[in-house]
C-alpha atoms as a PDB file:
ATOM      1  CA  MET A   1     -27.461  90.046 -40.958  1.00  0.00           C
ATOM      2  CA  LYS A   2     -29.023  93.437 -40.819  1.00  0.00           C
ATOM      3  CA  VAL A   3     -26.827  96.169 -39.757  1.00  0.00           C
ATOM      4  CA  LYS A   4     -29.334  97.542 -37.351  1.00  0.00           C
ATOM      5  CA  ASN A   5     -29.536  94.135 -35.561  1.00  0.00           C
ATOM      6  CA  PHE A   6     -25.733  93.878 -35.446  1.00  0.00           C
ATOM      7  CA  ASP A   7     -25.328  97.096 -34.090  1.00  0.00           C
ATOM      8  CA  GLN A   8     -27.833  96.494 -31.436  1.00  0.00           C
ATOM      9  CA  ALA A   9     -26.082  93.219 -30.583  1.00  0.00           C
ATOM     10  CA  LEU A  10     -22.730  94.930 -30.360  1.00  0.00           C
ATOM     11  CA  ARG A  11     -24.203  97.559 -28.173  1.00  0.00           C
ATOM     12  CA  ILE A  12     -25.637  95.064 -25.865  1.00  0.00           C
ATOM     13  CA  CYS A  13     -22.211  93.212 -25.450  1.00  0.00           C
ATOM     14  CA  LYS A  14     -20.103  96.573 -25.217  1.00  0.00           C
ATOM     15  CA  THR A  15     -22.039  97.959 -22.440  1.00  0.00           C
ATOM     16  CA  ALA A  16     -22.488  94.768 -20.494  1.00  0.00           C
ATOM     17  CA  PRO A  17     -21.881  95.209 -16.819  1.00  0.00           C
ATOM     18  CA  GLN A  18     -20.275  91.654 -16.795  1.00  0.00           C
ATOM     19  CA  GLU A  19     -17.309  93.268 -18.471  1.00  0.00           C
ATOM     20  CA  ASP A  20     -16.503  95.414 -15.454  1.00  0.00           C
ATOM     21  CA  ALA A  21     -15.520  92.079 -13.626  1.00  0.00           C
ATOM     22  CA  PHE A  22     -12.519  91.897 -15.758  1.00  0.00           C
ATOM     23  CA  LEU A  23     -11.039  95.197 -14.571  1.00  0.00           C
ATOM     24  CA  GLY A  24     -10.181  93.075 -11.434  1.00  0.00           C
ATOM     25  CA  LEU A  25      -7.861  90.826 -13.156  1.00  0.00           C
ATOM     26  CA  SER A  26      -4.829  92.951 -13.388  1.00  0.00           C
ATOM     27  CA  ASP A  27      -5.448  93.867  -9.629  1.00  0.00           C
ATOM     28  CA  PHE A  28      -5.491  90.026  -8.964  1.00  0.00           C
ATOM     29  CA  ILE A  29      -2.258  89.644 -10.559  1.00  0.00           C
ATOM     30  CA  GLY A  30      -0.662  92.539  -8.775  1.00  0.00           C
ATOM     31  CA  ALA A  31      -1.838  91.324  -5.424  1.00  0.00           C
ATOM     32  CA  ASN A  32      -0.749  87.752  -6.043  1.00  0.00           C
ATOM     33  CA  GLY A  33       2.538  88.790  -7.752  1.00  0.00           C
ATOM     34  CA  TYR A  34       2.545  85.461  -9.588  1.00  0.00           C
ATOM     35  CA  PRO A  35       0.925  85.401 -12.855  1.00  0.00           C
ATOM     36  CA  ASN A  36       1.031  81.661 -13.480  1.00  0.00           C
ATOM     37  CA  TYR A  37      -1.111  81.108 -10.574  1.00  0.00           C
ATOM     38  CA  PHE A  38      -3.737  82.861 -12.437  1.00  0.00           C
ATOM     39  CA  ILE A  39      -2.995  81.843 -16.081  1.00  0.00           C
ATOM     40  CA  GLY A  40      -1.962  78.287 -15.221  1.00  0.00           C
ATOM     41  CA  TYR A  41       0.724  76.499 -13.366  1.00  0.00           C
ATOM     42  CA  THR A  42       3.021  75.033 -15.852  1.00  0.00           C
ATOM     43  CA  ARG A  43       5.641  77.154 -17.189  1.00  0.00           C
ATOM     44  CA  SER A  44       5.023  76.242 -20.879  1.00  0.00           C
ATOM     45  CA  CYS A  45       1.250  76.952 -20.783  1.00  0.00           C
ATOM     46  CA  MET A  46       1.112  80.369 -22.385  1.00  0.00           C
ATOM     47  CA  ASN A  47       3.520  82.561 -24.176  1.00  0.00           C
ATOM     48  CA  TRP A  48       3.294  85.747 -26.194  1.00  0.00           C
ATOM     49  CA  GLU A  49       3.812  83.984 -29.578  1.00  0.00           C
ATOM     50  CA  ARG A  50       0.790  81.800 -28.763  1.00  0.00           C
ATOM     51  CA  LEU A  51      -1.272  84.661 -27.748  1.00  0.00           C
ATOM     52  CA  ALA A  52      -0.426  86.655 -30.921  1.00  0.00           C
ATOM     53  CA  CYS A  53      -1.197  83.429 -33.145  1.00  0.00           C
ATOM     54  CA  ILE A  54      -4.546  83.241 -31.344  1.00  0.00           C
ATOM     55  CA  LEU A  55      -5.472  86.772 -32.043  1.00  0.00           C
ATOM     56  CA  LYS A  56      -4.214  86.930 -35.651  1.00  0.00           C
ATOM     57  CA  PHE A  57      -5.866  83.458 -36.415  1.00  0.00           C
ATOM     58  CA  HIS A  58      -9.208  85.041 -35.239  1.00  0.00           C
ATOM     59  CA  THR A  59      -9.032  88.359 -36.775  1.00  0.00           C
ATOM     60  CA  ASN A  60      -6.958  88.063 -39.907  1.00  0.00           C
ATOM     61  CA  MET A  61      -7.943  85.058 -41.900  1.00  0.00           C
ATOM     62  CA  THR A  62      -5.467  85.558 -44.742  1.00  0.00           C
ATOM     63  CA  GLU A  63      -3.667  82.718 -46.491  1.00  0.00           C
ATOM     64  CA  ALA A  64      -0.528  83.469 -44.900  1.00  0.00           C
ATOM     65  CA  TRP A  65      -1.887  83.313 -41.244  1.00  0.00           C
ATOM     66  CA  MET A  66      -3.851  80.129 -42.226  1.00  0.00           C
ATOM     67  CA  HIS A  67      -0.676  78.728 -43.424  1.00  0.00           C
ATOM     68  CA  GLU A  68       1.021  79.656 -39.989  1.00  0.00           C
ATOM     69  CA  TYR A  69      -1.926  78.345 -37.973  1.00  0.00           C
ATOM     70  CA  MET A  70      -1.950  74.931 -39.671  1.00  0.00           C
ATOM     71  CA  GLN A  71       1.859  74.642 -39.051  1.00  0.00           C
ATOM     72  CA  LYS A  72       1.834  75.644 -35.370  1.00  0.00           C
ATOM     73  CA  LYS A  73      -1.659  74.086 -34.581  1.00  0.00           C
ATOM     74  CA  TYR A  74      -1.694  76.218 -31.387  1.00  0.00           C
ATOM     75  CA  ILE A  75      -5.423  76.351 -30.720  1.00  0.00           C
ATOM     76  CA  VAL A  76      -6.318  72.781 -31.818  1.00  0.00           C
ATOM     77  CA  SER A  77      -3.363  70.668 -30.618  1.00  0.00           C
ATOM     78  CA  ASP A  78      -2.032  72.760 -27.656  1.00  0.00           C
ATOM     79  CA  VAL A  79      -4.116  71.317 -24.903  1.00  0.00           C
ATOM     80  CA  ALA A  80      -2.438  73.456 -22.270  1.00  0.00           C
ATOM     81  CA  VAL A  81      -3.397  76.748 -23.929  1.00  0.00           C
ATOM     82  CA  HIS A  82      -6.959  75.455 -24.790  1.00  0.00           C
ATOM     83  CA  THR A  83      -7.518  74.259 -21.123  1.00  0.00           C
ATOM     84  CA  VAL A  84      -6.003  77.440 -19.698  1.00  0.00           C
ATOM     85  CA  LEU A  85      -8.308  79.767 -21.608  1.00  0.00           C
ATOM     86  CA  ARG A  86     -11.373  77.724 -20.783  1.00  0.00           C
ATOM     87  CA  LYS A  87     -10.531  77.492 -17.208  1.00  0.00           C
ATOM     88  CA  GLN A  88      -9.777  81.067 -17.041  1.00  0.00           C
ATOM     89  CA  LYS A  89     -13.219  81.881 -18.366  1.00  0.00           C
ATOM     90  CA  MET A  90     -14.811  79.388 -16.127  1.00  0.00           C
ATOM     91  CA  TRP A  91     -13.050  80.707 -13.168  1.00  0.00           C
ATOM     92  CA  ILE A  92     -14.060  84.436 -13.489  1.00  0.00           C
ATOM     93  CA  TRP A  93     -17.633  83.479 -14.540  1.00  0.00           C
ATOM     94  CA  ASP A  94     -18.411  80.802 -12.057  1.00  0.00           C
ATOM     95  CA  ASN A  95     -21.282  82.945 -10.612  1.00  0.00           C
ATOM     96  CA  MET A  96     -22.952  82.788 -14.011  1.00  0.00           C
ATOM     97  CA  CYS A  97     -23.617  79.203 -13.810  1.00  0.00           C
ATOM     98  CA  HIS A  98     -27.025  79.662 -12.274  1.00  0.00           C
ATOM     99  CA  THR A  99     -28.805  80.063 -15.477  1.00  0.00           C
ATOM    100  CA  LYS A 100     -32.444  79.263 -14.526  1.00  0.00           C
ATOM    101  CA  CYS A 101     -33.185  82.838 -14.320  1.00  0.00           C
ATOM    102  CA  HIS A 102     -32.457  83.447 -17.903  1.00  0.00           C
ATOM    103  CA  THR A 103     -34.286  82.469 -21.091  1.00  0.00           C
ATOM    104  CA  PRO A 104     -32.148  80.409 -23.609  1.00  0.00           C
ATOM    105  CA  THR A 105     -31.935  83.618 -25.724  1.00  0.00           C
ATOM    106  CA  GLU A 106     -30.393  85.739 -22.768  1.00  0.00           C
ATOM    107  CA  ARG A 107     -28.046  83.110 -22.104  1.00  0.00           C
ATOM    108  CA  ARG A 108     -26.604  83.024 -25.380  1.00  0.00           C
ATOM    109  CA  ILE A 109     -26.292  86.776 -25.417  1.00  0.00           C
ATOM    110  CA  ILE A 110     -24.548  86.476 -22.048  1.00  0.00           C
ATOM    111  CA  GLU A 111     -22.191  84.010 -23.645  1.00  0.00           C
ATOM    112  CA  GLY A 112     -21.308  86.570 -26.274  1.00  0.00           C
ATOM    113  CA  GLN A 113     -20.776  89.006 -23.458  1.00  0.00           C
ATOM    114  CA  ARG A 114     -18.561  86.500 -21.653  1.00  0.00           C
ATOM    115  CA  GLU A 115     -16.398  85.793 -24.670  1.00  0.00           C
ATOM    116  CA  CYS A 116     -15.902  89.579 -25.347  1.00  0.00           C
ATOM    117  CA  GLY A 117     -15.221  90.473 -21.803  1.00  0.00           C
ATOM    118  CA  PHE A 118     -12.570  87.840 -21.426  1.00  0.00           C
ATOM    119  CA  TRP A 119     -10.617  89.116 -24.371  1.00  0.00           C
ATOM    120  CA  ARG A 120     -10.835  92.599 -23.323  1.00  0.00           C
ATOM    121  CA  GLY A 121      -9.873  91.683 -19.891  1.00  0.00           C
ATOM    122  CA  PHE A 122      -6.809  89.531 -21.273  1.00  0.00           C
ATOM    123  CA  GLY A 123      -5.798  92.852 -23.159  1.00  0.00           C
ATOM    124  CA  ARG A 124      -5.779  94.637 -19.704  1.00  0.00           C
ATOM    125  CA  VAL A 125      -3.854  91.919 -17.849  1.00  0.00           C
ATOM    126  CA  ILE A 126      -0.875  91.722 -20.259  1.00  0.00           C
ATOM    127  CA  ARG A 127      -0.309  95.452 -20.000  1.00  0.00           C
ATOM    128  CA  HIS A 128       0.295  94.799 -16.165  1.00  0.00           C
ATOM    129  CA  PRO A 129       3.943  95.829 -15.415  1.00  0.00           C
ATOM    130  CA  ASP A 130       4.613  92.363 -13.738  1.00  0.00           C
ATOM    131  CA  VAL A 131       3.260  90.470 -16.796  1.00  0.00           C
ATOM    132  CA  ALA A 132       4.607  92.896 -19.446  1.00  0.00           C
ATOM    133  CA  GLY A 133       8.146  92.298 -18.041  1.00  0.00           C
ATOM    134  CA  GLY A 134       7.789  88.498 -19.080  1.00  0.00           C
ATOM    135  CA  TYR A 135       7.579  87.325 -15.477  1.00  0.00           C
ATOM    136  CA  GLY A 136       5.776  83.914 -15.298  1.00  0.00           C
ATOM    137  CA  PHE A 137       5.659  83.550 -19.041  1.00  0.00           C
ATOM    138  CA  THR A 138       8.002  81.517 -21.347  1.00  0.00           C
ATOM    139  CA  SER A 139       9.328  82.269 -24.852  1.00  0.00           C
ATOM    140  CA  SER A 140       9.407  79.674 -27.493  1.00  0.00           C
ATOM    141  CA  ASP A 141      12.675  78.142 -26.225  1.00  0.00           C
ATOM    142  CA  ARG A 142      11.146  77.667 -22.775  1.00  0.00           C
ATOM    143  CA  ASP A 143      14.253  79.093 -21.135  1.00  0.00           C
ATOM    144  CA  GLN A 144      14.075  82.858 -21.310  1.00  0.00           C
ATOM    145  CA  PRO A 145      11.072  84.932 -20.135  1.00  0.00           C
ATOM    146  CA  ALA A 146       9.358  86.585 -23.168  1.00  0.00           C
ATOM    147  CA  ARG A 147       8.061  90.211 -23.571  1.00  0.00           C
ATOM    148  CA  PRO A 148       5.179  90.622 -25.875  1.00  0.00           C
ATOM    149  CA  SER A 149       6.326  92.119 -29.048  1.00  0.00           C
ATOM    150  CA  PRO A 150       5.921  95.925 -29.588  1.00  0.00           C
ATOM    151  CA  ASP A 151       3.730  95.224 -32.676  1.00  0.00           C
ATOM    152  CA  LEU A 152       1.526  93.108 -30.636  1.00  0.00           C
ATOM    153  CA  LEU A 153       0.946  95.563 -27.953  1.00  0.00           C
ATOM    154  CA  MET A 154       0.431  98.382 -30.392  1.00  0.00           C
ATOM    155  CA  ARG A 155      -2.177  96.281 -32.259  1.00  0.00           C
ATOM    156  CA  LEU A 156      -3.847  94.532 -29.434  1.00  0.00           C
ATOM    157  CA  ASP A 157      -6.781  96.785 -28.753  1.00  0.00           C
ATOM    158  CA  GLU A 158      -7.545  96.842 -32.632  1.00  0.00           C
ATOM    159  CA  LEU A 159      -7.145  93.083 -32.764  1.00  0.00           C
ATOM    160  CA  ILE A 160      -9.451  92.397 -29.700  1.00  0.00           C
ATOM    161  CA  GLU A 161     -12.038  94.850 -31.105  1.00  0.00           C
ATOM    162  CA  ILE A 162     -12.233  92.942 -34.413  1.00  0.00           C
ATOM    163  CA  LEU A 163     -12.330  89.703 -32.480  1.00  0.00           C
ATOM    164  CA  CYS A 164     -15.245  90.865 -30.152  1.00  0.00           C
ATOM    165  CA  ASN A 165     -17.113  92.242 -33.220  1.00  0.00           C
ATOM    166  CA  ARG A 166     -16.903  88.649 -34.736  1.00  0.00           C
ATOM    167  CA  ILE A 167     -17.988  86.915 -31.567  1.00  0.00           C
ATOM    168  CA  VAL A 168     -20.959  89.163 -31.099  1.00  0.00           C
ATOM    169  CA  GLU A 169     -21.932  88.606 -34.649  1.00  0.00           C
ATOM    170  CA  GLU A 170     -21.616  84.740 -34.426  1.00  0.00           C
ATOM    171  CA  TRP A 171     -23.562  84.760 -31.307  1.00  0.00           C
ATOM    172  CA  TRP A 172     -26.181  86.950 -32.934  1.00  0.00           C
ATOM    173  CA  ILE A 173     -26.543  84.710 -35.903  1.00  0.00           C
ATOM    174  CA  VAL A 174     -26.783  81.532 -33.709  1.00  0.00           C
ATOM    175  CA  THR A 175     -29.521  83.045 -31.480  1.00  0.00           C
ATOM    176  CA  HIS A 176     -31.604  84.872 -33.764  1.00  0.00           C
ATOM    177  CA  GLU A 177     -31.383  83.192 -37.132  1.00  0.00           C
ATOM    178  CA  ASN A 178     -30.547  79.626 -36.781  1.00  0.00           C
ATOM    179  CA  MET A 179     -32.244  78.915 -33.345  1.00  0.00           C
ATOM    180  CA  ASN A 180     -35.905  79.866 -33.894  1.00  0.00           C
ATOM    181  CA  PRO A 181     -37.349  77.793 -31.149  1.00  0.00           C
ATOM    182  CA  LEU A 182     -40.927  77.759 -32.378  1.00  0.00           C
ATOM    183  CA  PRO A 183     -42.456  75.121 -34.654  1.00  0.00           C
ATOM    184  CA  ALA A 184     -44.800  76.320 -37.212  1.00  0.00           C
ATOM    185  CA  LYS A 185     -48.142  75.891 -35.545  1.00  0.00           C
ATOM    186  CA  GLU A 186     -47.068  77.610 -32.381  1.00  0.00           C
ATOM    187  CA  ARG A 187     -45.486  80.328 -34.502  1.00  0.00           C
ATOM    188  CA  GLU A 188     -48.899  80.886 -36.454  1.00  0.00           C
ATOM    189  CA  VAL A 189     -50.948  81.091 -33.194  1.00  0.00           C
ATOM    190  CA  LEU A 190     -48.502  83.451 -31.620  1.00  0.00           C
ATOM    191  CA  TYR A 191     -48.451  85.679 -34.728  1.00  0.00           C
ATOM    192  CA  MET A 192     -52.246  85.964 -35.007  1.00  0.00           C
ATOM    193  CA  ILE A 193     -52.594  86.875 -31.223  1.00  0.00           C
ATOM    194  CA  ALA A 194     -49.927  89.542 -31.773  1.00  0.00           C
ATOM    195  CA  GLN A 195     -51.398  90.906 -34.948  1.00  0.00           C
ATOM    196  CA  THR A 196     -55.091  90.967 -33.859  1.00  0.00           C
ATOM    197  CA  GLY A 197     -54.738  91.423 -30.148  1.00  0.00           C
ATOM    198  CA  GLY A 198     -57.378  88.557 -29.878  1.00  0.00           C
ATOM    199  CA  THR A 199     -57.853  85.794 -27.298  1.00  0.00           C
ATOM    200  CA  ALA A 200     -57.125  82.077 -27.741  1.00  0.00           C
ATOM    201  CA  ALA A 201     -60.904  81.636 -28.338  1.00  0.00           C
ATOM    202  CA  THR A 202     -61.032  84.120 -31.154  1.00  0.00           C
ATOM    203  CA  VAL A 203     -57.903  82.703 -32.786  1.00  0.00           C
ATOM    204  CA  ALA A 204     -59.203  79.203 -32.241  1.00  0.00           C
ATOM    205  CA  GLU A 205     -62.393  80.216 -34.237  1.00  0.00           C
ATOM    206  CA  ALA A 206     -60.360  81.866 -37.049  1.00  0.00           C
ATOM    207  CA  LEU A 207     -58.135  78.975 -37.442  1.00  0.00           C
ATOM    208  CA  GLY A 208     -60.905  76.324 -37.174  1.00  0.00           C
ATOM    209  CA  LYS A 209     -59.283  74.753 -34.041  1.00  0.00           C
ATOM    210  CA  SER A 210     -60.575  74.106 -30.677  1.00  0.00           C
ATOM    211  CA  THR A 211     -59.808  76.483 -28.032  1.00  0.00           C
ATOM    212  CA  ARG A 212     -58.154  73.787 -25.935  1.00  0.00           C
ATOM    213  CA  THR A 213     -55.702  73.152 -28.915  1.00  0.00           C
ATOM    214  CA  VAL A 214     -54.780  76.846 -29.184  1.00  0.00           C
ATOM    215  CA  GLU A 215     -54.179  77.177 -25.453  1.00  0.00           C
ATOM    216  CA  ARG A 216     -51.901  74.202 -25.480  1.00  0.00           C
ATOM    217  CA  GLN A 217     -49.994  75.605 -28.439  1.00  0.00           C
ATOM    218  CA  LEU A 218     -49.705  78.844 -26.632  1.00  0.00           C
ATOM    219  CA  MET A 219     -48.261  77.123 -23.542  1.00  0.00           C
ATOM    220  CA  ASN A 220     -45.813  75.105 -25.667  1.00  0.00           C
ATOM    221  CA  ALA A 221     -44.601  78.380 -27.274  1.00  0.00           C
ATOM    222  CA  SER A 222     -44.116  80.120 -23.896  1.00  0.00           C
ATOM    223  CA  ASN A 223     -42.295  77.130 -22.558  1.00  0.00           C
ATOM    224  CA  ARG A 224     -39.932  77.112 -25.624  1.00  0.00           C
ATOM    225  CA  ILE A 225     -38.999  80.659 -25.375  1.00  0.00           C
ATOM    226  CA  GLY A 226     -38.287  80.253 -21.682  1.00  0.00           C
ATOM    227  CA  GLY A 227     -41.305  80.194 -19.698  1.00  0.00           C
ATOM    228  CA  GLY A 228     -43.408  83.100 -18.313  1.00  0.00           C
ATOM    229  CA  SER A 229     -46.772  84.468 -19.383  1.00  0.00           C
ATOM    230  CA  LYS A 230     -48.198  84.479 -22.941  1.00  0.00           C
ATOM    231  CA  VAL A 231     -47.762  88.163 -23.139  1.00  0.00           C
ATOM    232  CA  ARG A 232     -44.060  87.794 -22.492  1.00  0.00           C
ATOM    233  CA  ALA A 233     -43.650  84.941 -25.064  1.00  0.00           C
ATOM    234  CA  ILE A 234     -45.349  87.143 -27.674  1.00  0.00           C
ATOM    235  CA  GLY A 235     -43.079  90.005 -26.554  1.00  0.00           C
ATOM    236  CA  LEU A 236     -39.866  87.999 -26.812  1.00  0.00           C
ATOM    237  CA  ALA A 237     -40.826  86.280 -30.002  1.00  0.00           C
ATOM    238  CA  SER A 238     -41.708  89.652 -31.629  1.00  0.00           C
ATOM    239  CA  LYS A 239     -38.381  91.137 -30.318  1.00  0.00           C
ATOM    240  CA  TYR A 240     -36.291  88.408 -31.757  1.00  0.00           C
ATOM    241  CA  GLY A 241     -38.117  88.078 -35.062  1.00  0.00           C
ATOM    242  CA  TRP A 242     -39.313  84.625 -34.285  1.00  0.00           C
ATOM    243  CA  ILE A 243     -43.017  85.337 -35.521  1.00  0.00           C
END
């Protein structure tokens, strides 16, 4: 990935207004006074060891951590944790499910913002005094409440930052490198119009096609990119490097 592109994607996600929603998470816990109501009702659904393991797995892919991950299998086999993380994201982002106003590309960028915002919000939540005292959480023996380890709290921001960078990078690659929505013919037509500033008729003449064929390909390209005018289709295709 080009460094410039990655920096741009990172900036989009870091300045995303959606992230502000997570500032309310610790207020929610403070007001309700019962973290399990938010994080999941069963006592064993989340603990600091699991959180540490998830963060370390995503941010430090050394052989030792891979070995620990394979032994504990928290993310894969611990259905409770997996479900809780998914539900937590779905709960806070329920208002994002109306996606018809976004192009597929914008939806993928938003997905990256949601992932980053979730982890940053989680970092704020576990610093809340009610939660940091272990209330509502369990340790690995399931009897004594567990405090987050000092090491985890010290490194949490650093780990979450690395994790968010990886999430953004992953979504940027998926969106802009592996998911070019334009077939070759549509790409050619859009490229020629963008380069020459010509009309469908002049491009059709240059390519030896009928104007009707070129118009149809333009319409297809516009629909594939997410609807709207031909001008918008050319603008988006240029912006994301699809032509």
